[in-house]
Amino acid sequence: MDYDPAWPDRFAALRAEYAAAMAKAGVPVVTIEHVGSTAVPGLAAKPIIDCDIVVPPRAVTAASHVLISLGFTPLGELGIPQRWAFKEPARLAGTNTYVIAEGCLSLRNHLALRDVLRADAGLRAEYAAVKRAAGLRAADIDEYGQAKTAVVQKILAAAGLSEAERLSIAGNQVPSHAGFPR
């Protein structure tokens, strides 16, 4: 779907809710980041808001418990080291929420993709074209993700991630999405 200018406001509401719940529980939060395609003005995307709740590694368990108390179901790392996924409750449908350890490569990956796509119109257009083509050809979400690998690697290189870091990201053993919604 085309970019929706309401997405930043939707993220802001989520960030406020998550920040208040974490503060009430005394969980230290480094930042709450809007990542993924909906965080890039002008980029077409699935209308799902991706949120990274960034915490010190020692606070991952506490932050996870706060999300569970809000109705989220923990899904584990799902093949992405130091990034824990949660299935949203019905009232927050259309969101992907993660607890992610401060400074980890998975966070750097999310931020690098977002920041390069915000700053580089050429890469943003190339990524959009690849996404559109993959959306037309891919049989499922797994194939869609694989079709984007080359351009994602190009974006990560532009962000300054090393070849070893990019290979690590490309080598993540993400399970098939067949058992997960979306």
Protein backbone atom coordinates (compact mmCIF):
# COMPACT_ATOMS: atom_id res chain seq x y z
CA MET A 1 0.00 0.00 0.00
CA ASP A 2 1.14 3.57 -0.55
CA TYR A 3 2.75 5.46 2.32
CA ASP A 4 0.19 6.65 4.86
CA PRO A 5 1.06 9.94 6.62
CA ALA A 6 -0.89 8.68 9.66
CA TRP A 7 1.75 6.02 10.39
CA PRO A 8 4.05 8.31 12.45
CA ASP A 9 1.10 9.31 14.65
CA ARG A 10 0.15 5.67 15.11
CA PHE A 11 3.72 4.91 16.16
CA ALA A 12 3.75 7.89 18.56
CA ALA A 13 0.65 6.50 20.32
CA LEU A 14 2.28 3.07 20.62
CA ARG A 15 5.52 4.59 21.91
CA ALA A 16 3.62 6.56 24.55
CA GLU A 17 1.72 3.48 25.73
CA TYR A 18 4.85 1.32 25.85
CA ALA A 19 6.93 4.00 27.57
CA ALA A 20 4.26 4.57 30.24
CA ALA A 21 3.91 0.84 30.94
CA MET A 22 7.68 0.35 31.14
CA ALA A 23 8.10 3.38 33.42
CA LYS A 24 5.28 2.20 35.70
CA ALA A 25 7.07 -1.16 36.06
CA GLY A 26 10.44 0.50 36.61
CA VAL A 27 11.95 -0.99 33.45
CA PRO A 28 14.79 1.12 32.04
CA VAL A 29 14.21 1.93 28.38
CA VAL A 30 16.97 3.33 26.19
CA THR A 31 14.61 4.31 23.37
CA ILE A 32 11.56 3.13 21.47
CA GLU A 33 12.17 3.21 17.74
CA HIS A 34 9.84 3.19 14.74
CA VAL A 35 11.52 0.84 12.26
CA GLY A 36 10.52 -0.97 9.10
CA SER A 37 9.04 0.48 5.94
CA THR A 38 6.28 2.43 7.70
CA ALA A 39 9.06 4.49 9.36
CA VAL A 40 10.29 5.77 5.98
CA PRO A 41 8.27 8.71 4.63
CA GLY A 42 7.13 8.08 1.07
CA LEU A 43 7.88 4.34 1.06
CA ALA A 44 5.05 1.94 0.24
CA ALA A 45 4.56 -0.66 2.96
CA LYS A 46 2.29 -3.20 4.52
CA PRO A 47 0.27 -1.17 7.06
CA ILE A 48 2.03 -2.74 10.05
CA ILE A 49 3.89 -0.52 12.50
CA ASP A 50 7.19 -2.05 13.67
CA CYS A 51 8.38 -0.94 17.12
CA ASP A 52 11.71 -1.75 18.74
CA ILE A 53 11.68 -1.28 22.51
CA VAL A 54 15.40 -0.94 23.19
CA VAL A 55 16.54 -1.88 26.67
CA PRO A 56 19.83 -2.71 28.39
CA PRO A 57 20.47 -6.49 28.09
CA ARG A 58 19.80 -6.92 31.82
CA ALA A 59 16.24 -5.52 31.34
CA VAL A 60 15.06 -7.81 28.53
CA THR A 61 13.16 -10.17 30.85
CA ALA A 62 11.50 -7.33 32.75
CA ALA A 63 10.48 -5.55 29.53
CA SER A 64 9.09 -8.82 28.17
CA HIS A 65 6.97 -9.26 31.30
CA VAL A 66 5.53 -5.76 30.84
CA LEU A 67 4.45 -6.61 27.28
CA ILE A 68 2.90 -9.87 28.47
CA SER A 69 0.96 -7.87 31.08
CA LEU A 70 -0.38 -5.72 28.22
CA GLY A 71 -1.73 -8.82 26.46
CA PHE A 72 1.17 -9.68 24.16
CA THR A 73 2.20 -13.29 23.54
CA PRO A 74 5.96 -13.95 23.51
CA LEU A 75 7.29 -15.62 20.35
CA GLY A 76 10.99 -15.71 21.21
CA GLU A 77 13.88 -14.54 19.05
CA LEU A 78 12.54 -16.16 15.85
CA GLY A 79 16.06 -16.54 14.50
CA ILE A 80 17.10 -12.92 15.09
CA PRO A 81 19.65 -12.77 17.92
CA GLN A 82 18.88 -10.42 20.80
CA ARG A 83 15.51 -9.38 19.34
CA TRP A 84 12.45 -10.89 21.01
CA ALA A 85 9.16 -10.81 19.09
CA PHE A 86 5.67 -10.56 20.53
CA LYS A 87 2.25 -11.24 18.99
CA GLU A 88 0.08 -8.22 19.63
CA PRO A 89 -3.30 -8.34 21.37
CA ALA A 90 -6.36 -7.68 19.20
CA ARG A 91 -6.61 -4.05 20.37
CA LEU A 92 -3.16 -3.38 18.86
CA ALA A 93 -3.68 -5.30 15.61
CA GLY A 94 -1.35 -4.24 12.83
CA THR A 95 1.76 -3.88 14.94
CA ASN A 96 5.00 -5.83 15.30
CA THR A 97 6.58 -5.17 18.67
CA TYR A 98 10.03 -6.29 19.71
CA VAL A 99 12.17 -6.06 22.81
CA ILE A 100 15.72 -5.61 21.61
CA ALA A 101 19.04 -5.44 23.45
CA GLU A 102 20.83 -2.11 23.32
CA GLY A 103 23.76 -2.04 20.89
CA CYS A 104 23.14 -5.43 19.30
CA LEU A 105 23.57 -6.11 15.58
CA SER A 106 19.84 -6.74 15.13
CA LEU A 107 19.10 -3.20 16.33
CA ARG A 108 21.86 -1.74 14.17
CA ASN A 109 20.31 -3.59 11.19
CA HIS A 110 16.85 -2.07 11.82
CA LEU A 111 18.20 1.45 12.32
CA ALA A 112 20.61 1.27 9.38
CA LEU A 113 17.86 0.22 6.96
CA ARG A 114 15.50 2.91 8.20
CA ASP A 115 18.06 5.69 8.28
CA VAL A 116 19.60 4.97 4.87
CA LEU A 117 16.18 4.68 3.24
CA ARG A 118 15.12 7.99 4.80
CA ALA A 119 18.27 9.72 3.54
CA ASP A 120 18.94 8.16 0.12
CA ALA A 121 16.17 8.69 -2.44
CA GLY A 122 17.88 6.43 -4.99
CA LEU A 123 18.14 3.45 -2.65
CA ARG A 124 14.61 4.14 -1.39
CA ALA A 125 13.29 3.97 -4.98
CA GLU A 126 15.29 0.82 -5.71
CA TYR A 127 14.05 -0.84 -2.51
CA ALA A 128 10.45 0.15 -3.33
CA ALA A 129 10.73 -1.34 -6.82
CA VAL A 130 12.14 -4.60 -5.44
CA LYS A 131 9.36 -4.75 -2.85
CA ARG A 132 6.67 -4.20 -5.48
CA ALA A 133 8.12 -6.86 -7.78
CA ALA A 134 8.52 -9.32 -4.91
CA GLY A 135 4.96 -8.65 -3.80
CA LEU A 136 3.69 -9.62 -7.24
CA ARG A 137 5.86 -12.74 -7.62
CA ALA A 138 6.34 -14.18 -4.15
CA ALA A 139 4.22 -17.16 -3.19
CA ASP A 140 4.44 -16.31 0.53
CA ILE A 141 6.04 -13.94 3.05
CA ASP A 142 9.18 -16.07 3.25
CA GLU A 143 9.77 -15.83 -0.49
CA TYR A 144 9.00 -12.12 -0.33
CA GLY A 145 11.71 -11.63 2.29
CA GLN A 146 14.24 -13.64 0.28
CA ALA A 147 13.54 -11.57 -2.82
CA LYS A 148 14.64 -8.44 -0.94
CA THR A 149 17.96 -9.87 0.33
CA ALA A 150 20.26 -8.39 -2.33
CA VAL A 151 18.91 -4.84 -2.03
CA VAL A 152 18.87 -5.06 1.77
CA GLN A 153 22.53 -6.06 1.68
CA LYS A 154 23.24 -3.07 -0.57
CA ILE A 155 21.48 -0.75 1.88
CA LEU A 156 23.37 -2.18 4.85
CA ALA A 157 26.66 -1.71 2.99
CA ALA A 158 25.72 1.92 2.33
CA ALA A 159 25.07 2.28 6.06
CA GLY A 160 28.62 1.18 6.79
CA LEU A 161 27.97 -2.27 8.20
CA SER A 162 30.95 -4.53 7.64
CA GLU A 163 30.85 -7.52 5.34
CA ALA A 164 31.00 -9.80 8.40
CA GLU A 165 28.02 -7.99 9.96
CA ARG A 166 26.04 -8.16 6.71
CA LEU A 167 26.81 -11.88 6.34
CA SER A 168 25.71 -12.46 9.93
CA ILE A 169 22.41 -10.69 9.24
CA ALA A 170 21.88 -12.58 5.98
CA GLY A 171 22.64 -15.84 7.76
CA ASN A 172 20.01 -15.46 10.48
CA GLN A 173 17.96 -18.64 10.63
CA VAL A 174 14.51 -17.12 10.60
CA PRO A 175 11.84 -19.81 10.85
CA SER A 176 9.16 -20.04 8.20
CA HIS A 177 6.37 -17.58 8.76
CA ALA A 178 3.82 -20.28 7.90
CA GLY A 179 3.00 -20.75 11.56
CA PHE A 180 2.74 -17.04 12.29
CA PRO A 181 0.14 -14.49 11.24
CA ARG A 182 1.10 -12.05 8.44
